[in-house]
Amino acid sequence: MLSQLWNIVLYKPLLNILAFFVSVIPGGDVGVAVIILTLLVKTALFPLSQRSILNQAKMNLLNPELKKIKESKANKEEQAKQTFELYKKYKTNPFSGCLLILIQIPIIFALYGVFLHGLKFDGSYLYSFIHTPATISMNFLGMFNIGKIHILGLAILAGVSQFFQAYYMPKPALSDGKGGFQDSFAKSMNTQMKYVFPFIVAFIAYNLSGAVALYWITSNIFAVGQQIYARKKKNLLLLN
């Protein structure tokens, strides 16, 4: 039952979208199809991810107010009420980023599944209105066979793009600059996301198919552009 749901909701739609793009792309370059698919997914998730970025920026601005509430002599229930009212006033949600992550993880796993046993562009997997591509090329731009694993070049690009994605993320605001536990934890997490996580991403990308690594790279580049855009628009949007 669960596997059938997985096939209906994620596996088959991704496979059919790829089949369509491969059939219309000159030379049937699957890598280009993966990039287009990634851009399509990121565009569909753009409103949600944009909201997540702005929520993080708002949370940074609200840190001083949240600190005042925590240091007040009010009981826990009153503090929770004041915190909720503060979030409501500035229209923010501290857990909005979790939803975005939860949505993207199944997509990555489904894409991995599409390439795990080779692309199955046949009648049993394709919709009736999707034609089997006449030409299929796994050599992305004639450089990488994205159907294989252990592609060092793509793994490095995945790590580098992850670094820039972390670099342009909204920085955590420090509460008072006195080096408390909260500030130390925020600094530590920010440092790890910027300097440690890219190596983890590169390692994972190296051990997955090149198609998944290409998806990761394109997704990170899109996110960098989106974060730069959000930075420019942040001051105006935070007033809404």
C-alpha atoms as a PDB file:
ATOM      1  CA  MET A   1       0.000   0.000   0.000  1.00  0.00           C
ATOM      2  CA  LEU A   2       2.737   2.427   0.995  1.00  0.00           C
ATOM      3  CA  SER A   3       4.867   1.514  -2.027  1.00  0.00           C
ATOM      4  CA  GLN A   4       1.884   2.036  -4.326  1.00  0.00           C
ATOM      5  CA  LEU A   5       1.268   5.466  -2.814  1.00  0.00           C
ATOM      6  CA  TRP A   6       4.974   6.292  -3.248  1.00  0.00           C
ATOM      7  CA  ASN A   7       4.813   5.298  -6.921  1.00  0.00           C
ATOM      8  CA  ILE A   8       1.630   7.241  -7.607  1.00  0.00           C
ATOM      9  CA  VAL A   9       2.542  10.443  -5.764  1.00  0.00           C
ATOM     10  CA  LEU A  10       6.301  10.747  -6.401  1.00  0.00           C
ATOM     11  CA  TYR A  11       8.068   8.074  -8.460  1.00  0.00           C
ATOM     12  CA  LYS A  12       5.850   7.968 -11.552  1.00  0.00           C
ATOM     13  CA  PRO A  13       5.261  11.751 -11.776  1.00  0.00           C
ATOM     14  CA  LEU A  14       9.015  12.447 -11.597  1.00  0.00           C
ATOM     15  CA  LEU A  15       9.791   9.706 -14.114  1.00  0.00           C
ATOM     16  CA  ASN A  16       7.157  10.961 -16.551  1.00  0.00           C
ATOM     17  CA  ILE A  17       8.237  14.588 -16.248  1.00  0.00           C
ATOM     18  CA  LEU A  18      11.809  13.508 -16.960  1.00  0.00           C
ATOM     19  CA  ALA A  19      10.642  11.415 -19.927  1.00  0.00           C
ATOM     20  CA  PHE A  20       8.794  14.402 -21.373  1.00  0.00           C
ATOM     21  CA  PHE A  21      11.777  16.746 -21.012  1.00  0.00           C
ATOM     22  CA  VAL A  22      14.213  14.170 -22.386  1.00  0.00           C
ATOM     23  CA  SER A  23      11.967  13.668 -25.417  1.00  0.00           C
ATOM     24  CA  VAL A  24      11.948  17.385 -26.284  1.00  0.00           C
ATOM     25  CA  ILE A  25      15.574  18.242 -25.416  1.00  0.00           C
ATOM     26  CA  PRO A  26      17.927  17.983 -28.411  1.00  0.00           C
ATOM     27  CA  GLY A  27      20.145  14.928 -27.970  1.00  0.00           C
ATOM     28  CA  GLY A  28      17.987  13.621 -25.124  1.00  0.00           C
ATOM     29  CA  ASP A  29      20.372  14.957 -22.461  1.00  0.00           C
ATOM     30  CA  VAL A  30      19.025  13.590 -19.166  1.00  0.00           C
ATOM     31  CA  GLY A  31      21.224  15.992 -17.180  1.00  0.00           C
ATOM     32  CA  VAL A  32      19.558  19.009 -18.778  1.00  0.00           C
ATOM     33  CA  ALA A  33      16.185  17.377 -18.058  1.00  0.00           C
ATOM     34  CA  VAL A  34      17.160  17.014 -14.371  1.00  0.00           C
ATOM     35  CA  ILE A  35      18.085  20.708 -14.224  1.00  0.00           C
ATOM     36  CA  ILE A  36      14.760  21.722 -15.773  1.00  0.00           C
ATOM     37  CA  LEU A  37      12.918  19.393 -13.381  1.00  0.00           C
ATOM     38  CA  THR A  38      14.783  20.928 -10.424  1.00  0.00           C
ATOM     39  CA  LEU A  39      13.907  24.453 -11.529  1.00  0.00           C
ATOM     40  CA  LEU A  40      10.290  23.369 -11.911  1.00  0.00           C
ATOM     41  CA  VAL A  41      10.222  21.939  -8.375  1.00  0.00           C
ATOM     42  CA  LYS A  42      11.982  24.973  -6.884  1.00  0.00           C
ATOM     43  CA  THR A  43       9.627  27.346  -8.686  1.00  0.00           C
ATOM     44  CA  ALA A  44       6.626  25.441  -7.314  1.00  0.00           C
ATOM     45  CA  LEU A  45       8.125  25.656  -3.811  1.00  0.00           C
ATOM     46  CA  PHE A  46       9.216  29.290  -4.239  1.00  0.00           C
ATOM     47  CA  PRO A  47       6.379  30.869  -2.183  1.00  0.00           C
ATOM     48  CA  LEU A  48       6.980  28.436   0.683  1.00  0.00           C
ATOM     49  CA  SER A  49      10.768  28.803   0.666  1.00  0.00           C
ATOM     50  CA  GLN A  50      10.528  32.590   0.331  1.00  0.00           C
ATOM     51  CA  ARG A  51       8.268  32.680   3.354  1.00  0.00           C
ATOM     52  CA  SER A  52      10.773  30.511   5.247  1.00  0.00           C
ATOM     53  CA  ILE A  53      13.653  32.891   4.439  1.00  0.00           C
ATOM     54  CA  LEU A  54      11.643  35.927   5.521  1.00  0.00           C
ATOM     55  CA  ASN A  55      10.513  34.152   8.682  1.00  0.00           C
ATOM     56  CA  GLN A  56      14.151  33.496   9.591  1.00  0.00           C
ATOM     57  CA  ALA A  57      14.953  37.169   9.019  1.00  0.00           C
ATOM     58  CA  LYS A  58      12.012  38.180  11.183  1.00  0.00           C
ATOM     59  CA  MET A  59      13.084  35.764  13.930  1.00  0.00           C
ATOM     60  CA  ASN A  60      16.494  37.446  13.978  1.00  0.00           C
ATOM     61  CA  LEU A  61      14.853  40.843  14.389  1.00  0.00           C
ATOM     62  CA  LEU A  62      12.557  39.521  17.116  1.00  0.00           C
ATOM     63  CA  ASN A  63      15.354  37.982  19.198  1.00  0.00           C
ATOM     64  CA  PRO A  64      15.708  41.013  21.525  1.00  0.00           C
ATOM     65  CA  GLU A  65      11.938  40.972  22.197  1.00  0.00           C
ATOM     66  CA  LEU A  66      11.976  37.224  22.787  1.00  0.00           C
ATOM     67  CA  LYS A  67      14.896  37.667  25.209  1.00  0.00           C
ATOM     68  CA  LYS A  68      12.917  40.262  27.184  1.00  0.00           C
ATOM     69  CA  ILE A  69       9.984  37.862  27.463  1.00  0.00           C
ATOM     70  CA  LYS A  70      12.240  35.035  28.697  1.00  0.00           C
ATOM     71  CA  GLU A  71      13.892  37.307  31.273  1.00  0.00           C
ATOM     72  CA  SER A  72      10.580  38.669  32.548  1.00  0.00           C
ATOM     73  CA  LYS A  73       9.151  37.492  35.859  1.00  0.00           C
ATOM     74  CA  ALA A  74       6.011  36.187  34.183  1.00  0.00           C
ATOM     75  CA  ASN A  75       5.148  32.518  34.566  1.00  0.00           C
ATOM     76  CA  LYS A  76       5.667  30.004  31.748  1.00  0.00           C
ATOM     77  CA  GLU A  77       2.072  30.240  30.530  1.00  0.00           C
ATOM     78  CA  GLU A  78       2.211  34.025  30.329  1.00  0.00           C
ATOM     79  CA  GLN A  79       5.571  33.898  28.535  1.00  0.00           C
ATOM     80  CA  ALA A  80       4.147  31.433  26.022  1.00  0.00           C
ATOM     81  CA  LYS A  81       1.149  33.696  25.474  1.00  0.00           C
ATOM     82  CA  GLN A  82       3.343  36.768  24.948  1.00  0.00           C
ATOM     83  CA  THR A  83       5.604  34.838  22.565  1.00  0.00           C
ATOM     84  CA  PHE A  84       2.608  33.635  20.534  1.00  0.00           C
ATOM     85  CA  GLU A  85       1.218  37.187  20.364  1.00  0.00           C
ATOM     86  CA  LEU A  86       4.623  38.455  19.187  1.00  0.00           C
ATOM     87  CA  TYR A  87       4.744  35.835  16.404  1.00  0.00           C
ATOM     88  CA  LYS A  88       1.164  36.688  15.452  1.00  0.00           C
ATOM     89  CA  LYS A  89       1.864  40.435  15.398  1.00  0.00           C
ATOM     90  CA  TYR A  90       4.806  40.051  13.006  1.00  0.00           C
ATOM     91  CA  LYS A  91       3.169  37.190  11.053  1.00  0.00           C
ATOM     92  CA  THR A  92       5.999  34.743  11.538  1.00  0.00           C
ATOM     93  CA  ASN A  93       6.333  31.033  12.317  1.00  0.00           C
ATOM     94  CA  PRO A  94       9.573  29.599  13.780  1.00  0.00           C
ATOM     95  CA  PHE A  95       8.805  26.153  12.317  1.00  0.00           C
ATOM     96  CA  SER A  96       8.139  27.192   8.711  1.00  0.00           C
ATOM     97  CA  GLY A  97      11.562  25.956   7.549  1.00  0.00           C
ATOM     98  CA  CYS A  98      10.823  22.429   8.790  1.00  0.00           C
ATOM     99  CA  LEU A  99       7.907  22.044   6.373  1.00  0.00           C
ATOM    100  CA  LEU A 100      10.082  23.029   3.430  1.00  0.00           C
ATOM    101  CA  ILE A 101      12.697  20.421   4.390  1.00  0.00           C
ATOM    102  CA  LEU A 102      10.048  17.737   4.890  1.00  0.00           C
ATOM    103  CA  ILE A 103       8.677  18.400   1.396  1.00  0.00           C
ATOM    104  CA  GLN A 104      12.045  18.313  -0.363  1.00  0.00           C
ATOM    105  CA  ILE A 105      13.457  15.155   1.255  1.00  0.00           C
ATOM    106  CA  PRO A 106      10.900  12.788  -0.374  1.00  0.00           C
ATOM    107  CA  ILE A 107      11.587  14.427  -3.752  1.00  0.00           C
ATOM    108  CA  ILE A 108      15.316  13.738  -3.415  1.00  0.00           C
ATOM    109  CA  PHE A 109      14.665  10.117  -2.417  1.00  0.00           C
ATOM    110  CA  ALA A 110      12.204   9.672  -5.288  1.00  0.00           C
ATOM    111  CA  LEU A 111      14.715  11.075  -7.765  1.00  0.00           C
ATOM    112  CA  TYR A 112      17.334   8.708  -6.368  1.00  0.00           C
ATOM    113  CA  GLY A 113      14.874   5.856  -6.867  1.00  0.00           C
ATOM    114  CA  VAL A 114      14.285   6.891 -10.478  1.00  0.00           C
ATOM    115  CA  PHE A 115      17.988   6.447 -11.276  1.00  0.00           C
ATOM    116  CA  LEU A 116      18.743   3.583  -8.874  1.00  0.00           C
ATOM    117  CA  HIS A 117      17.942   0.791 -11.317  1.00  0.00           C
ATOM    118  CA  GLY A 118      18.206   2.815 -14.516  1.00  0.00           C
ATOM    119  CA  LEU A 119      15.592   4.966 -16.204  1.00  0.00           C
ATOM    120  CA  LYS A 120      12.544   2.856 -17.031  1.00  0.00           C
ATOM    121  CA  PHE A 121      11.028   4.756 -19.924  1.00  0.00           C
ATOM    122  CA  ASP A 122       8.608   2.023 -20.952  1.00  0.00           C
ATOM    123  CA  GLY A 123       4.869   1.544 -21.178  1.00  0.00           C
ATOM    124  CA  SER A 124       4.454   0.099 -17.702  1.00  0.00           C
ATOM    125  CA  TYR A 125       5.764   3.269 -16.051  1.00  0.00           C
ATOM    126  CA  LEU A 126       4.864   6.054 -18.484  1.00  0.00           C
ATOM    127  CA  TYR A 127       1.470   7.682 -18.708  1.00  0.00           C
ATOM    128  CA  SER A 128      -0.486   7.097 -21.929  1.00  0.00           C
ATOM    129  CA  PHE A 129       0.079  10.697 -23.079  1.00  0.00           C
ATOM    130  CA  ILE A 130       3.868  10.566 -22.514  1.00  0.00           C
ATOM    131  CA  HIS A 131       5.945   9.146 -25.363  1.00  0.00           C
ATOM    132  CA  THR A 132       9.102   7.122 -24.829  1.00  0.00           C
ATOM    133  CA  PRO A 133      12.111   9.351 -25.690  1.00  0.00           C
ATOM    134  CA  ALA A 134      13.673   8.415 -29.026  1.00  0.00           C
ATOM    135  CA  THR A 135      17.147   9.367 -27.777  1.00  0.00           C
ATOM    136  CA  ILE A 136      18.449   9.087 -24.214  1.00  0.00           C
ATOM    137  CA  SER A 137      21.889  10.399 -23.227  1.00  0.00           C
ATOM    138  CA  MET A 138      23.172  10.019 -19.673  1.00  0.00           C
ATOM    139  CA  ASN A 139      26.310  12.023 -20.526  1.00  0.00           C
ATOM    140  CA  PHE A 140      25.526  15.474 -19.183  1.00  0.00           C
ATOM    141  CA  LEU A 141      26.934  17.974 -21.699  1.00  0.00           C
ATOM    142  CA  GLY A 142      29.279  15.191 -22.791  1.00  0.00           C
ATOM    143  CA  MET A 143      31.191  15.479 -19.489  1.00  0.00           C
ATOM    144  CA  PHE A 144      29.554  13.365 -16.749  1.00  0.00           C
ATOM    145  CA  ASN A 145      27.648  10.097 -16.873  1.00  0.00           C
ATOM    146  CA  ILE A 146      24.988  11.065 -14.343  1.00  0.00           C
ATOM    147  CA  GLY A 147      23.642   7.536 -14.167  1.00  0.00           C
ATOM    148  CA  LYS A 148      26.741   6.460 -12.246  1.00  0.00           C
ATOM    149  CA  ILE A 149      27.957   7.146  -8.713  1.00  0.00           C
ATOM    150  CA  HIS A 150      31.340   8.441  -7.476  1.00  0.00           C
ATOM    151  CA  ILE A 151      31.453  11.467  -9.781  1.00  0.00           C
ATOM    152  CA  LEU A 152      34.041  13.626  -8.035  1.00  0.00           C
ATOM    153  CA  GLY A 153      33.437  16.783 -10.073  1.00  0.00           C
ATOM    154  CA  LEU A 154      29.717  16.896  -9.301  1.00  0.00           C
ATOM    155  CA  ALA A 155      30.346  16.017  -5.638  1.00  0.00           C
ATOM    156  CA  ILE A 156      32.748  18.971  -5.295  1.00  0.00           C
ATOM    157  CA  LEU A 157      30.271  21.295  -7.004  1.00  0.00           C
ATOM    158  CA  ALA A 158      27.541  20.063  -4.644  1.00  0.00           C
ATOM    159  CA  GLY A 159      29.724  20.898  -1.631  1.00  0.00           C
ATOM    160  CA  VAL A 160      30.742  24.312  -2.991  1.00  0.00           C
ATOM    161  CA  SER A 161      27.164  25.242  -3.860  1.00  0.00           C
ATOM    162  CA  GLN A 162      26.083  24.157  -0.370  1.00  0.00           C
ATOM    163  CA  PHE A 163      28.709  26.469   1.146  1.00  0.00           C
ATOM    164  CA  PHE A 164      27.341  29.471  -0.758  1.00  0.00           C
ATOM    165  CA  GLN A 165      23.797  28.474   0.091  1.00  0.00           C
ATOM    166  CA  ALA A 166      24.742  28.521   3.799  1.00  0.00           C
ATOM    167  CA  TYR A 167      26.768  31.726   3.333  1.00  0.00           C
ATOM    168  CA  TYR A 168      23.745  33.653   2.074  1.00  0.00           C
ATOM    169  CA  MET A 169      21.346  32.280   4.669  1.00  0.00           C
ATOM    170  CA  PRO A 170      20.074  34.862   7.185  1.00  0.00           C
ATOM    171  CA  LYS A 171      22.623  35.046  10.000  1.00  0.00           C
ATOM    172  CA  PRO A 172      21.411  34.262  13.520  1.00  0.00           C
ATOM    173  CA  ALA A 173      21.057  37.379  15.627  1.00  0.00           C
ATOM    174  CA  LEU A 174      23.004  37.421  18.897  1.00  0.00           C
ATOM    175  CA  SER A 175      21.070  38.260  22.007  1.00  0.00           C
ATOM    176  CA  ASP A 176      23.424  40.486  23.977  1.00  0.00           C
ATOM    177  CA  GLY A 177      26.987  39.753  22.853  1.00  0.00           C
ATOM    178  CA  LYS A 178      27.964  38.347  26.280  1.00  0.00           C
ATOM    179  CA  GLY A 179      28.750  34.900  24.983  1.00  0.00           C
ATOM    180  CA  GLY A 180      25.868  33.055  26.629  1.00  0.00           C
ATOM    181  CA  PHE A 181      24.926  29.478  25.792  1.00  0.00           C
ATOM    182  CA  GLN A 182      22.301  30.543  23.242  1.00  0.00           C
ATOM    183  CA  ASP A 183      24.781  32.766  21.409  1.00  0.00           C
ATOM    184  CA  SER A 184      27.484  30.100  21.498  1.00  0.00           C
ATOM    185  CA  PHE A 185      25.083  27.486  20.167  1.00  0.00           C
ATOM    186  CA  ALA A 186      23.883  29.815  17.380  1.00  0.00           C
ATOM    187  CA  LYS A 187      27.464  30.614  16.375  1.00  0.00           C
ATOM    188  CA  SER A 188      28.399  26.939  16.438  1.00  0.00           C
ATOM    189  CA  MET A 189      25.441  25.913  14.280  1.00  0.00           C
ATOM    190  CA  ASN A 190      26.124  28.726  11.810  1.00  0.00           C
ATOM    191  CA  THR A 191      29.795  27.706  11.559  1.00  0.00           C
ATOM    192  CA  GLN A 192      28.944  24.035  11.060  1.00  0.00           C
ATOM    193  CA  MET A 193      26.342  24.807   8.394  1.00  0.00           C
ATOM    194  CA  LYS A 194      28.876  26.932   6.534  1.00  0.00           C
ATOM    195  CA  TYR A 195      32.094  24.938   6.901  1.00  0.00           C
ATOM    196  CA  VAL A 196      31.176  21.366   7.915  1.00  0.00           C
ATOM    197  CA  PHE A 197      27.872  20.585   6.207  1.00  0.00           C
ATOM    198  CA  PRO A 198      29.246  21.250   2.673  1.00  0.00           C
ATOM    199  CA  PHE A 199      31.753  18.411   3.192  1.00  0.00           C
ATOM    200  CA  ILE A 200      28.919  16.143   4.331  1.00  0.00           C
ATOM    201  CA  VAL A 201      26.894  17.101   1.262  1.00  0.00           C
ATOM    202  CA  ALA A 202      29.878  16.459  -1.009  1.00  0.00           C
ATOM    203  CA  PHE A 203      30.401  13.031   0.576  1.00  0.00           C
ATOM    204  CA  ILE A 204      26.730  12.103   0.174  1.00  0.00           C
ATOM    205  CA  ALA A 205      26.655  13.395  -3.419  1.00  0.00           C
ATOM    206  CA  TYR A 206      29.785  11.354  -4.208  1.00  0.00           C
ATOM    207  CA  ASN A 207      28.039   8.180  -3.062  1.00  0.00           C
ATOM    208  CA  LEU A 208      24.764   8.837  -4.901  1.00  0.00           C
ATOM    209  CA  SER A 209      24.042   8.966  -8.611  1.00  0.00           C
ATOM    210  CA  GLY A 210      25.256  11.983 -10.542  1.00  0.00           C
ATOM    211  CA  ALA A 211      21.629  12.890 -11.261  1.00  0.00           C
ATOM    212  CA  VAL A 212      20.918  13.440  -7.553  1.00  0.00           C
ATOM    213  CA  ALA A 213      24.133  15.476  -7.210  1.00  0.00           C
ATOM    214  CA  LEU A 214      23.049  17.582 -10.195  1.00  0.00           C
ATOM    215  CA  TYR A 215      19.650  18.110  -8.584  1.00  0.00           C
ATOM    216  CA  TRP A 216      21.388  19.212  -5.373  1.00  0.00           C
ATOM    217  CA  ILE A 217      23.691  21.637  -7.210  1.00  0.00           C
ATOM    218  CA  THR A 218      20.864  23.227  -9.184  1.00  0.00           C
ATOM    219  CA  SER A 219      18.699  23.459  -6.072  1.00  0.00           C
ATOM    220  CA  ASN A 220      21.492  25.191  -4.119  1.00  0.00           C
ATOM    221  CA  ILE A 221      22.206  27.670  -6.914  1.00  0.00           C
ATOM    222  CA  PHE A 222      18.498  28.490  -7.120  1.00  0.00           C
ATOM    223  CA  ALA A 223      18.421  28.955  -3.331  1.00  0.00           C
ATOM    224  CA  VAL A 224      21.418  31.324  -3.433  1.00  0.00           C
ATOM    225  CA  GLY A 225      19.661  33.488  -6.021  1.00  0.00           C
ATOM    226  CA  GLN A 226      16.487  33.422  -3.971  1.00  0.00           C
ATOM    227  CA  GLN A 227      18.300  34.418  -0.778  1.00  0.00           C
ATOM    228  CA  ILE A 228      20.038  37.309  -2.538  1.00  0.00           C
ATOM    229  CA  TYR A 229      16.643  38.414  -3.830  1.00  0.00           C
ATOM    230  CA  ALA A 230      15.142  38.092  -0.333  1.00  0.00           C
ATOM    231  CA  ARG A 231      17.946  40.209   1.139  1.00  0.00           C
ATOM    232  CA  LYS A 232      17.161  43.036  -1.272  1.00  0.00           C
ATOM    233  CA  LYS A 233      13.437  42.839  -0.625  1.00  0.00           C
ATOM    234  CA  LYS A 234      13.587  42.028   3.090  1.00  0.00           C
ATOM    235  CA  ASN A 235      13.283  45.547   4.500  1.00  0.00           C
ATOM    236  CA  LEU A 236      10.209  46.261   2.407  1.00  0.00           C
ATOM    237  CA  LEU A 237       8.527  42.906   3.006  1.00  0.00           C
ATOM    238  CA  LEU A 238       9.097  42.930   6.771  1.00  0.00           C
ATOM    239  CA  LEU A 239       6.885  46.014   6.976  1.00  0.00           C
ATOM    240  CA  ASN A 240       3.885  44.127   5.544  1.00  0.00           C
END
